[in-house]
Amino acid sequence: MHIAALGAALQLRFETRGNVADLDRAIEAGRAVRDTCPTRHSARFALLTNLSVSLLARAGSDGPIGEVEEAVSSAEDALALLPLGSHRRASVLENVALAFLARFERTRSAADLDRAETLVQQSLDMRSEHCAWGTYARVQFERYRLSNLPDDLDTAITACRRATRNHPEGSRKWASSRSELALLSLHRYNATGMPEDVASAADLCTQALSATAADDRERPVRLSLLADVLHARHVRTRRTEDLVAAVDAMTRAVQATRDEDVERPRRLAALAAAHRSRFRHTGEPRHLDAAVGASRDALRASGADRPRRAAHLHGLGVALRTRFQAGGAPEDIEEAVRVSREAVAVASAGDIDLPAYLSDLGNALHRWYEQTGEVAHLEESVAVARRSVGAAPEGHPARADFLNNLSFSLRVLFQANGNTADLESAAEAATGAVAGTNEKDHLWPGLMGNLAVALTLRLEHTGNAEGADAALAECERAVRSPWIGEVDRLKLLGVISALRLKRFQLWNRADELDSGISTLQAALAAMPEGHADTPHMLTNLGAALHLRFGLTGSRNDLEEAIASTERALATMPPNHVHRAGCRHNLELMMSDGRRKPSRWAARFRRARREG
C-alpha cells in the first residue's frame, strides 16, 4: 500500500503546484495498485477514489474521453465497496457525480446528467451542509445550458452561494467557491444584462485571486475567469478600461499556464477572442494578427482528437474572416472557409455550439463570394445560415444574431439574382432578429441597421414601404441611446448615411443627399485614427460628394470627393477587395474635373433655390 500512499501524495502536490508530471505518476501508481490489490482489501475503495480524482484532473475539460470513462468506472467501483452507512459515503457519492458530470460535458447525454444529479442529491441527503452544494450547482448550471430556463440558472446560483458558506475565509476552497459563483453570475449577466451580476462577478474574481498564491495551479483559471467577466462587461458598456484589463488578464493567464496543461487551448482561444474585441474597438489590424496567432496556437495545442477541437477551428475561422474583411489577403478567406467547414464536420450532433459554427461558416462563405463573385458560394451561405437558425431553438441567446446573418446573406443573394422572394425572406429574418432583442443589447445597433437596409431595399424594388421610415427613425434614435458604444454608434451613422443616400436616389430629395453627406462627415470626424472602417467610409463619402457635384456643379464638392477617395486609397490595404472599385471612382472624378458642369446641374441648382 506504500505505492497507493505515494499516489495520494503526488495527487495532493499536483493540486497545489499544478505539475502534470506529478499527476501522471499518481495515475501510474493508482493503476498499478488497482491491478494488484485484492478485491476486498480495506483500502481499495480509497485508491479507486484517488485514481478517479486524478484521471478527472488530467482529463480536464478537453482531455480524452477514455480517461473520463476510466474515472467513471473507478468511482463506481469505489462506491460499491462502501457500506450504506459509511461516514465516507457522502464524499464518494459526490466524486461519482463529478465523474458522470465530466462524461456529460463530452457526450451531452441527458442520462449522464440525470445520474450526476441523483448521486449528488443522495450526498446532500446524507449531509445537508456538505460541500457537495458546489457540485449540485454545477449540475444545475449544465441543466440550464440544455434548457435555457432562467429558473435552472437561479437554482445553480442559490446552491453555489450556499456552498461558499461552508469554507473558512481565505482558504483554497473558499477561493474556489467564489470563482464558481462568479462564473454563474457571469452567465446570468450575459442572459439578462443585470449590472449587479457583473459587478458581483468582478468582485468575486478579485476576492478569489487575492486568496490564490502566485504558483497555485488555479491562478491561471481565475485570471481567465476575470478576463471573461471584464470582457463581458465591455461588450455591453464599451468601457475601454475593461477591455484593456481583460486582454491583460488573459495574457497573464496564458503565461501562467504550463504547455502540457489541458486547459491551455481554451485559454489561448479566449485570448484570441479578446484580441478580436480589441480590433473591433480600435480598428487596429495588429490586434487581428494577434488573434489569428493565438487561434493557431490554440488549435495546435488542442490535438486532433480533443472534444473542443471544433471550437478552436471555429475561433480560427472567425479570426481569419475578420482579418480578410479588414483588408487581409484572399488566402485568409479561403482558409477561413476551410477551417469553418471542418469545425462543422467534427462537431458532434448534440454540440450546443453547432448553430454558431454553422452561422460563422455562412458568414465566411458570404465573404468568399465577395472575393470570387461565385454565386454558388452565396447560395451555400444562405443554406448554411438557414441550418443555423433551424438548429437554434426559440430562446437561444444568439438566435437574433443567427437570424441577422441569414438576412444579410439573403439580401445580397437578391442583389445577385433579382428574386424578390429572397428579399422578402431577408426582411422577415431581419424583423425576427430585432424582435428577439432590445436597445440595451449590444447587438441592437447592428440588428436595427440591417433591418432598415432590408426594408429600404424592399421599398426600392417592390414599392412596399411598410416599416422603412420607422426603421430609419429607430436607427437615428439608437445613435443617441446611452446603451450604444462609440464605435457601434459611428458604424450605425455610416448605415444611416447610406440609407439617406438611397432615399435621395428614390425621390430626388436634396435634403436626403445633404443629410447623408453630413452624417458621414460627422462619423469620420469621430472615428479613431487607423480604424479599419475608415477606408470604407471615406470611399462612400467621396462617392456621395461626387454625386452631389454632378447635380450642383460645386467644385468644392468635387475637390472634397477627390481628397476623400485619395485618403481612402492611402489607408486601404494593397489587397483590399474594394480597392479596384475605389481607384475606378477616383479616375471618374479626375475625368469630371476636366469637364464643365452639365446644363442639367444648373437646372438642379435653380430648382433647389426655388424650393
Foldseek 3Di string as FASTA:
>chain_A
DVLLVQLLVLLVVCQFQVDVVSLVSSLVSLVVCQVVPDLLDPCQLVSLLSNLVSLCQQCDLWRDLVSLVSSLVSLVSSLVNDDPPDPCNLVSLQSNLVSLVSNCSQVVDVVSLVSSLVSNVVSCVVPVLDLSLLVNLVSLVVVCLVVVDVVSLVSSLVSLVSNLVSDDQLDLSNLVSLQSNLVSLLVVCLQPVDVVSLVSSLVSLVSSLVSRDPSRQCNLVSLQSNLSSLVSVCLFQVDPVSLVSSLVSLVVSLVSHDLSRQCNLVSLLSNLVSLVVVCLSAQALVSLVSSLVSLVVSLVSSDDDISCNLVSLLSNLVSLQVSLQLFDALVSLVSSLVSLVVSLVPHDPPPSCNLVSLLSNLVSLLVNCLQVVPVVSLVVSLVSLVVSLVSADPSRSCNLVSLQSNLVSLVVNCVVPVDVVSLVSSLVSLVVSQVNDDLSRSCNLVSLLSNLVSLLVCCVNPVDNPPNVVSLVVLVVSLVDSRYHLSSSLVSLLSSLVSLVSVCVVPVDVVSLVSSLVSLVVSLVPRNPLRSCQLVSLLVNLVSLLVLCLQAVDPVSLVSSLVSLVVSLVSHPPNRSCNVVSVVSNVVSVVCVVDGHDPNSVVNVVVVVVD
